Amino acid sequence: MKQIVIVCEPKEGLVAEVAETLANRGINIESIDAEESESVDLVTLMVDKYDEALQALLDIGINAVTEDVVLLRLPDEPGALAKVAKKFKENSIHLRSIRLIHRDRGKAIVAVSMDRTEEALELVKEYRV
């Protein structure tokens, strides 16, 4: 699975512009995180029509980068994420991002991007969705 990351200079209404553009193209946003600082805006999203979303953003002048993410199903309890993060740390695998996607019935779905993806996948194969 892939996620789209937009990093740009602060832009008033960026999330509204992205959401409206994708909606107009019939693209559903499955998850979105947005952060703003004095020097940069950062929007990370997952969508149902990945290639179409990239093109839609490019069409309105928004450059985006992409990265692979792995979906993990973890117990929704204290320490579950710590256990996975510790496996990566012990194997010197750098976590680029972690996002909680969904919680339900004692389970949590988490999207994780990391370096050395193939090696990381082997470490968490029991949690992969």
N, C-alpha and C. Protein backbone atom coordinates (compact mmCIF):
# COMPACT_ATOMS: atom_id res chain seq x y z
N MET A 1 0.85 -1.16 0.00
CA MET A 1 0.00 0.00 0.00
C MET A 1 0.89 1.22 0.00
N LYS A 2 0.37 2.31 -0.54
CA LYS A 2 1.14 3.55 -0.61
C LYS A 2 0.39 4.69 0.07
N GLN A 3 1.16 5.66 0.52
CA GLN A 3 0.56 6.88 1.03
C GLN A 3 1.16 8.05 0.27
N ILE A 4 0.42 9.13 0.23
CA ILE A 4 0.82 10.34 -0.47
C ILE A 4 1.20 11.38 0.58
N VAL A 5 2.33 12.02 0.35
CA VAL A 5 2.81 13.04 1.28
C VAL A 5 3.02 14.34 0.51
N ILE A 6 2.39 15.40 1.02
CA ILE A 6 2.55 16.74 0.45
C ILE A 6 3.35 17.55 1.45
N VAL A 7 4.45 18.12 1.01
CA VAL A 7 5.26 19.00 1.84
C VAL A 7 5.42 20.29 1.04
N CYS A 8 4.96 21.40 1.60
CA CYS A 8 5.04 22.66 0.87
C CYS A 8 5.14 23.83 1.84
N GLU A 9 5.41 25.00 1.27
CA GLU A 9 5.39 26.21 2.09
C GLU A 9 3.98 26.39 2.63
N PRO A 10 3.85 27.03 3.78
CA PRO A 10 2.52 27.24 4.34
C PRO A 10 1.57 27.84 3.31
N LYS A 11 0.39 27.24 3.21
CA LYS A 11 -0.59 27.65 2.21
C LYS A 11 -1.96 27.64 2.86
N GLU A 12 -2.57 28.80 2.97
CA GLU A 12 -3.90 28.92 3.55
C GLU A 12 -4.88 28.06 2.77
N GLY A 13 -5.62 27.21 3.47
CA GLY A 13 -6.65 26.41 2.83
C GLY A 13 -6.15 25.18 2.08
N LEU A 14 -4.93 24.74 2.35
CA LEU A 14 -4.36 23.60 1.64
C LEU A 14 -5.23 22.35 1.76
N VAL A 15 -5.66 22.01 2.96
CA VAL A 15 -6.47 20.81 3.15
C VAL A 15 -7.79 20.93 2.40
N ALA A 16 -8.41 22.10 2.45
CA ALA A 16 -9.67 22.31 1.73
C ALA A 16 -9.46 22.12 0.23
N GLU A 17 -8.38 22.66 -0.30
CA GLU A 17 -8.09 22.54 -1.73
C GLU A 17 -7.85 21.09 -2.13
N VAL A 18 -7.07 20.38 -1.34
CA VAL A 18 -6.79 18.97 -1.61
C VAL A 18 -8.08 18.15 -1.54
N ALA A 19 -8.85 18.33 -0.47
CA ALA A 19 -10.08 17.56 -0.28
C ALA A 19 -11.09 17.83 -1.40
N GLU A 20 -11.25 19.09 -1.76
CA GLU A 20 -12.20 19.43 -2.81
C GLU A 20 -11.76 18.87 -4.16
N THR A 21 -10.48 18.99 -4.46
CA THR A 21 -9.95 18.47 -5.73
C THR A 21 -10.18 16.97 -5.84
N LEU A 22 -9.88 16.25 -4.79
CA LEU A 22 -10.06 14.80 -4.82
C LEU A 22 -11.55 14.44 -4.90
N ALA A 23 -12.38 15.15 -4.17
CA ALA A 23 -13.82 14.89 -4.21
C ALA A 23 -14.38 15.11 -5.61
N ASN A 24 -13.93 16.16 -6.26
CA ASN A 24 -14.40 16.46 -7.62
C ASN A 24 -14.02 15.39 -8.63
N ARG A 25 -12.97 14.63 -8.32
CA ARG A 25 -12.53 13.53 -9.20
C ARG A 25 -13.08 12.18 -8.74
N GLY A 26 -13.93 12.19 -7.69
CA GLY A 26 -14.51 10.94 -7.21
C GLY A 26 -13.52 10.07 -6.45
N ILE A 27 -12.53 10.70 -5.83
CA ILE A 27 -11.50 9.99 -5.08
C ILE A 27 -11.81 10.11 -3.59
N ASN A 28 -11.89 8.97 -2.93
CA ASN A 28 -12.21 8.95 -1.51
C ASN A 28 -10.94 9.00 -0.67
N ILE A 29 -10.90 9.91 0.29
CA ILE A 29 -9.79 9.98 1.24
C ILE A 29 -10.06 8.96 2.34
N GLU A 30 -9.17 8.00 2.49
CA GLU A 30 -9.34 6.95 3.50
C GLU A 30 -8.72 7.34 4.83
N SER A 31 -7.66 8.13 4.79
CA SER A 31 -7.09 8.70 6.02
C SER A 31 -6.32 9.95 5.63
N ILE A 32 -6.27 10.89 6.57
CA ILE A 32 -5.55 12.14 6.33
C ILE A 32 -5.01 12.67 7.65
N ASP A 33 -3.79 13.16 7.60
CA ASP A 33 -3.16 13.86 8.71
C ASP A 33 -2.59 15.15 8.14
N ALA A 34 -2.79 16.24 8.84
CA ALA A 34 -2.27 17.52 8.37
C ALA A 34 -1.60 18.25 9.52
N GLU A 35 -0.44 18.81 9.24
CA GLU A 35 0.30 19.58 10.24
C GLU A 35 0.80 20.85 9.59
N GLU A 36 0.89 21.88 10.39
CA GLU A 36 1.37 23.16 9.91
C GLU A 36 2.41 23.69 10.88
N SER A 37 3.47 24.24 10.32
CA SER A 37 4.44 24.93 11.15
C SER A 37 4.70 26.29 10.49
N GLU A 38 5.60 27.04 11.06
CA GLU A 38 5.88 28.36 10.49
C GLU A 38 6.51 28.24 9.11
N SER A 39 7.22 27.15 8.84
CA SER A 39 7.97 27.06 7.59
C SER A 39 7.46 26.02 6.61
N VAL A 40 6.59 25.11 7.05
CA VAL A 40 6.17 24.04 6.15
C VAL A 40 4.78 23.50 6.53
N ASP A 41 4.01 23.13 5.51
CA ASP A 41 2.77 22.39 5.71
C ASP A 41 3.04 20.95 5.29
N LEU A 42 2.48 20.01 6.03
CA LEU A 42 2.67 18.60 5.75
C LEU A 42 1.31 17.92 5.79
N VAL A 43 0.94 17.28 4.68
CA VAL A 43 -0.32 16.54 4.60
C VAL A 43 0.02 15.13 4.15
N THR A 44 -0.43 14.14 4.91
CA THR A 44 -0.22 12.73 4.57
C THR A 44 -1.59 12.10 4.41
N LEU A 45 -1.79 11.42 3.28
CA LEU A 45 -3.10 10.82 3.07
C LEU A 45 -3.01 9.49 2.34
N MET A 46 -4.06 8.71 2.56
CA MET A 46 -4.26 7.46 1.84
C MET A 46 -5.61 7.59 1.15
N VAL A 47 -5.68 7.12 -0.10
CA VAL A 47 -6.88 7.28 -0.91
C VAL A 47 -7.23 5.96 -1.59
N ASP A 48 -8.45 5.91 -2.12
CA ASP A 48 -8.86 4.68 -2.80
C ASP A 48 -8.37 4.60 -4.24
N LYS A 49 -8.06 5.73 -4.86
CA LYS A 49 -7.58 5.75 -6.25
C LYS A 49 -6.24 6.50 -6.28
N TYR A 50 -5.22 5.77 -5.99
CA TYR A 50 -3.89 6.33 -5.77
C TYR A 50 -3.35 7.11 -6.97
N ASP A 51 -3.26 6.47 -8.13
CA ASP A 51 -2.69 7.13 -9.31
C ASP A 51 -3.51 8.34 -9.73
N GLU A 52 -4.83 8.22 -9.66
CA GLU A 52 -5.70 9.34 -10.02
C GLU A 52 -5.51 10.51 -9.06
N ALA A 53 -5.30 10.21 -7.79
CA ALA A 53 -5.08 11.27 -6.80
C ALA A 53 -3.78 12.02 -7.08
N LEU A 54 -2.73 11.28 -7.39
CA LEU A 54 -1.46 11.94 -7.72
C LEU A 54 -1.62 12.88 -8.91
N GLN A 55 -2.33 12.41 -9.94
CA GLN A 55 -2.53 13.24 -11.12
C GLN A 55 -3.39 14.46 -10.80
N ALA A 56 -4.43 14.27 -10.00
CA ALA A 56 -5.30 15.39 -9.63
C ALA A 56 -4.51 16.46 -8.88
N LEU A 57 -3.64 16.05 -7.98
CA LEU A 57 -2.82 17.01 -7.23
C LEU A 57 -1.85 17.73 -8.15
N LEU A 58 -1.24 16.98 -9.04
CA LEU A 58 -0.31 17.58 -10.00
C LEU A 58 -1.05 18.60 -10.89
N ASP A 59 -2.27 18.27 -11.29
CA ASP A 59 -3.05 19.16 -12.14
C ASP A 59 -3.32 20.52 -11.50
N ILE A 60 -3.37 20.57 -10.17
CA ILE A 60 -3.60 21.86 -9.50
C ILE A 60 -2.31 22.46 -8.95
N GLY A 61 -1.17 21.89 -9.35
CA GLY A 61 0.12 22.46 -8.98
C GLY A 61 0.65 22.04 -7.63
N ILE A 62 0.13 20.96 -7.10
CA ILE A 62 0.63 20.46 -5.82
C ILE A 62 1.50 19.25 -6.07
N ASN A 63 2.77 19.37 -5.73
CA ASN A 63 3.69 18.25 -5.88
C ASN A 63 3.61 17.37 -4.65
N ALA A 64 3.57 16.07 -4.87
CA ALA A 64 3.47 15.12 -3.77
C ALA A 64 4.51 14.03 -3.98
N VAL A 65 4.96 13.48 -2.88
CA VAL A 65 5.83 12.32 -2.93
C VAL A 65 5.04 11.13 -2.39
N THR A 66 5.52 9.96 -2.68
CA THR A 66 4.84 8.77 -2.21
C THR A 66 5.81 7.86 -1.49
N GLU A 67 5.24 7.04 -0.64
CA GLU A 67 6.06 6.03 0.03
C GLU A 67 5.19 4.82 0.33
N ASP A 68 5.85 3.68 0.40
CA ASP A 68 5.14 2.45 0.75
C ASP A 68 4.82 2.45 2.23
N VAL A 69 3.67 1.91 2.56
CA VAL A 69 3.29 1.71 3.95
C VAL A 69 2.83 0.27 4.12
N VAL A 70 2.97 -0.21 5.32
CA VAL A 70 2.54 -1.54 5.68
C VAL A 70 1.43 -1.39 6.71
N LEU A 71 0.34 -2.11 6.53
CA LEU A 71 -0.74 -2.08 7.50
C LEU A 71 -0.55 -3.22 8.48
N LEU A 72 -0.59 -2.88 9.76
CA LEU A 72 -0.46 -3.86 10.83
C LEU A 72 -1.73 -3.88 11.66
N ARG A 73 -2.14 -5.05 12.08
CA ARG A 73 -3.28 -5.20 13.00
C ARG A 73 -2.68 -5.57 14.36
N LEU A 74 -2.80 -4.64 15.29
CA LEU A 74 -2.23 -4.82 16.63
C LEU A 74 -3.34 -4.92 17.66
N PRO A 75 -3.07 -5.57 18.78
CA PRO A 75 -4.03 -5.52 19.88
C PRO A 75 -4.19 -4.06 20.31
N ASP A 76 -5.40 -3.64 20.58
CA ASP A 76 -5.65 -2.26 21.01
C ASP A 76 -5.50 -2.21 22.52
N GLU A 77 -4.24 -2.21 22.94
CA GLU A 77 -3.92 -2.24 24.37
C GLU A 77 -2.58 -1.55 24.60
N PRO A 78 -2.35 -1.08 25.81
CA PRO A 78 -1.08 -0.44 26.11
C PRO A 78 0.09 -1.38 25.84
N GLY A 79 1.11 -0.85 25.17
CA GLY A 79 2.34 -1.61 24.93
C GLY A 79 2.40 -2.33 23.59
N ALA A 80 1.28 -2.46 22.88
CA ALA A 80 1.30 -3.19 21.60
C ALA A 80 2.19 -2.48 20.58
N LEU A 81 2.03 -1.19 20.43
CA LEU A 81 2.86 -0.44 19.49
C LEU A 81 4.31 -0.42 19.95
N ALA A 82 4.51 -0.31 21.25
CA ALA A 82 5.88 -0.30 21.79
C ALA A 82 6.61 -1.59 21.44
N LYS A 83 5.90 -2.70 21.49
CA LYS A 83 6.49 -4.00 21.18
C LYS A 83 7.00 -4.05 19.73
N VAL A 84 6.19 -3.55 18.80
CA VAL A 84 6.58 -3.52 17.39
C VAL A 84 7.73 -2.53 17.17
N ALA A 85 7.61 -1.34 17.74
CA ALA A 85 8.65 -0.32 17.57
C ALA A 85 9.98 -0.82 18.13
N LYS A 86 9.93 -1.56 19.22
CA LYS A 86 11.16 -2.10 19.81
C LYS A 86 11.83 -3.11 18.87
N LYS A 87 11.03 -3.93 18.19
CA LYS A 87 11.61 -4.88 17.22
C LYS A 87 12.37 -4.13 16.14
N PHE A 88 11.78 -3.03 15.66
CA PHE A 88 12.45 -2.24 14.62
C PHE A 88 13.73 -1.61 15.18
N LYS A 89 13.64 -1.05 16.36
CA LYS A 89 14.81 -0.41 16.97
C LYS A 89 15.94 -1.40 17.16
N GLU A 90 15.62 -2.59 17.67
CA GLU A 90 16.66 -3.61 17.90
C GLU A 90 17.33 -4.06 16.62
N ASN A 91 16.66 -3.87 15.50
CA ASN A 91 17.21 -4.26 14.20
C ASN A 91 17.64 -3.07 13.36
N SER A 92 17.76 -1.91 14.00
CA SER A 92 18.21 -0.67 13.36
C SER A 92 17.39 -0.31 12.12
N ILE A 93 16.08 -0.52 12.20
CA ILE A 93 15.18 -0.13 11.12
C ILE A 93 14.54 1.19 11.50
N HIS A 94 14.72 2.18 10.65
CA HIS A 94 14.23 3.53 10.92
C HIS A 94 12.74 3.64 10.56
N LEU A 95 11.91 4.06 11.50
CA LEU A 95 10.49 4.31 11.25
C LEU A 95 10.33 5.74 10.75
N ARG A 96 9.78 5.88 9.54
CA ARG A 96 9.56 7.22 8.99
C ARG A 96 8.23 7.79 9.44
N SER A 97 7.21 6.93 9.52
CA SER A 97 5.92 7.42 9.99
C SER A 97 5.09 6.27 10.54
N ILE A 98 4.25 6.61 11.49
CA ILE A 98 3.29 5.66 12.07
C ILE A 98 1.98 6.42 12.23
N ARG A 99 0.89 5.83 11.72
CA ARG A 99 -0.40 6.48 11.84
C ARG A 99 -1.45 5.46 12.23
N LEU A 100 -2.22 5.80 13.21
CA LEU A 100 -3.36 4.98 13.60
C LEU A 100 -4.47 5.19 12.57
N ILE A 101 -4.91 4.11 11.94
CA ILE A 101 -5.92 4.20 10.89
C ILE A 101 -7.31 3.89 11.42
N HIS A 102 -7.41 2.85 12.27
CA HIS A 102 -8.74 2.40 12.70
C HIS A 102 -8.63 1.62 14.00
N ARG A 103 -9.63 1.76 14.85
CA ARG A 103 -9.72 0.98 16.10
C ARG A 103 -11.11 0.37 16.18
N ASP A 104 -11.15 -0.95 16.48
CA ASP A 104 -12.44 -1.60 16.58
C ASP A 104 -12.27 -2.98 17.22
N ARG A 105 -13.16 -3.31 18.13
CA ARG A 105 -13.23 -4.65 18.74
C ARG A 105 -11.89 -5.16 19.26
N GLY A 106 -11.18 -4.30 19.95
CA GLY A 106 -9.94 -4.71 20.58
C GLY A 106 -8.73 -4.78 19.66
N LYS A 107 -8.87 -4.31 18.42
CA LYS A 107 -7.77 -4.30 17.46
C LYS A 107 -7.57 -2.89 16.93
N ALA A 108 -6.34 -2.59 16.56
CA ALA A 108 -6.00 -1.31 15.96
C ALA A 108 -5.27 -1.58 14.65
N ILE A 109 -5.64 -0.85 13.61
CA ILE A 109 -4.93 -0.92 12.33
C ILE A 109 -4.00 0.29 12.28
N VAL A 110 -2.73 0.02 12.04
CA VAL A 110 -1.70 1.05 12.05
C VAL A 110 -0.96 1.00 10.71
N ALA A 111 -0.77 2.16 10.08
CA ALA A 111 0.03 2.27 8.85
C ALA A 111 1.44 2.69 9.24
N VAL A 112 2.42 1.92 8.78
CA VAL A 112 3.81 2.16 9.15
C VAL A 112 4.66 2.25 7.89
N SER A 113 5.51 3.26 7.81
CA SER A 113 6.51 3.31 6.75
C SER A 113 7.88 3.29 7.40
N MET A 114 8.79 2.58 6.76
CA MET A 114 10.11 2.39 7.33
C MET A 114 11.13 2.15 6.24
N ASP A 115 12.40 2.24 6.60
CA ASP A 115 13.41 1.84 5.64
C ASP A 115 13.58 0.32 5.74
N ARG A 116 14.28 -0.25 4.80
CA ARG A 116 14.52 -1.70 4.77
C ARG A 116 13.21 -2.48 4.94
N THR A 117 12.25 -2.15 4.09
CA THR A 117 10.89 -2.67 4.22
C THR A 117 10.84 -4.19 4.23
N GLU A 118 11.55 -4.85 3.35
CA GLU A 118 11.47 -6.31 3.29
C GLU A 118 11.91 -6.95 4.61
N GLU A 119 12.99 -6.45 5.17
CA GLU A 119 13.47 -6.97 6.45
C GLU A 119 12.46 -6.67 7.56
N ALA A 120 11.91 -5.47 7.53
CA ALA A 120 10.92 -5.08 8.54
C ALA A 120 9.68 -5.96 8.47
N LEU A 121 9.25 -6.28 7.26
CA LEU A 121 8.07 -7.13 7.09
C LEU A 121 8.25 -8.49 7.75
N GLU A 122 9.43 -9.03 7.66
CA GLU A 122 9.69 -10.32 8.28
C GLU A 122 9.57 -10.23 9.80
N LEU A 123 9.97 -9.09 10.36
CA LEU A 123 9.92 -8.92 11.81
C LEU A 123 8.49 -8.83 12.35
N VAL A 124 7.57 -8.38 11.53
CA VAL A 124 6.18 -8.15 12.00
C VAL A 124 5.16 -8.96 11.20
N LYS A 125 5.60 -10.07 10.63
CA LYS A 125 4.70 -10.83 9.75
C LYS A 125 3.44 -11.31 10.46
N GLU A 126 3.51 -11.53 11.76
CA GLU A 126 2.32 -11.99 12.48
C GLU A 126 1.27 -10.89 12.63
N TYR A 127 1.63 -9.64 12.39
CA TYR A 127 0.71 -8.51 12.54
C TYR A 127 0.19 -7.96 11.20
N ARG A 128 0.75 -8.41 10.09
CA ARG A 128 0.38 -7.84 8.78
C ARG A 128 -1.08 -8.08 8.46
N VAL A 129 -1.68 -7.06 7.88
CA VAL A 129 -3.09 -7.15 7.46
C VAL A 129 -3.13 -7.82 6.10
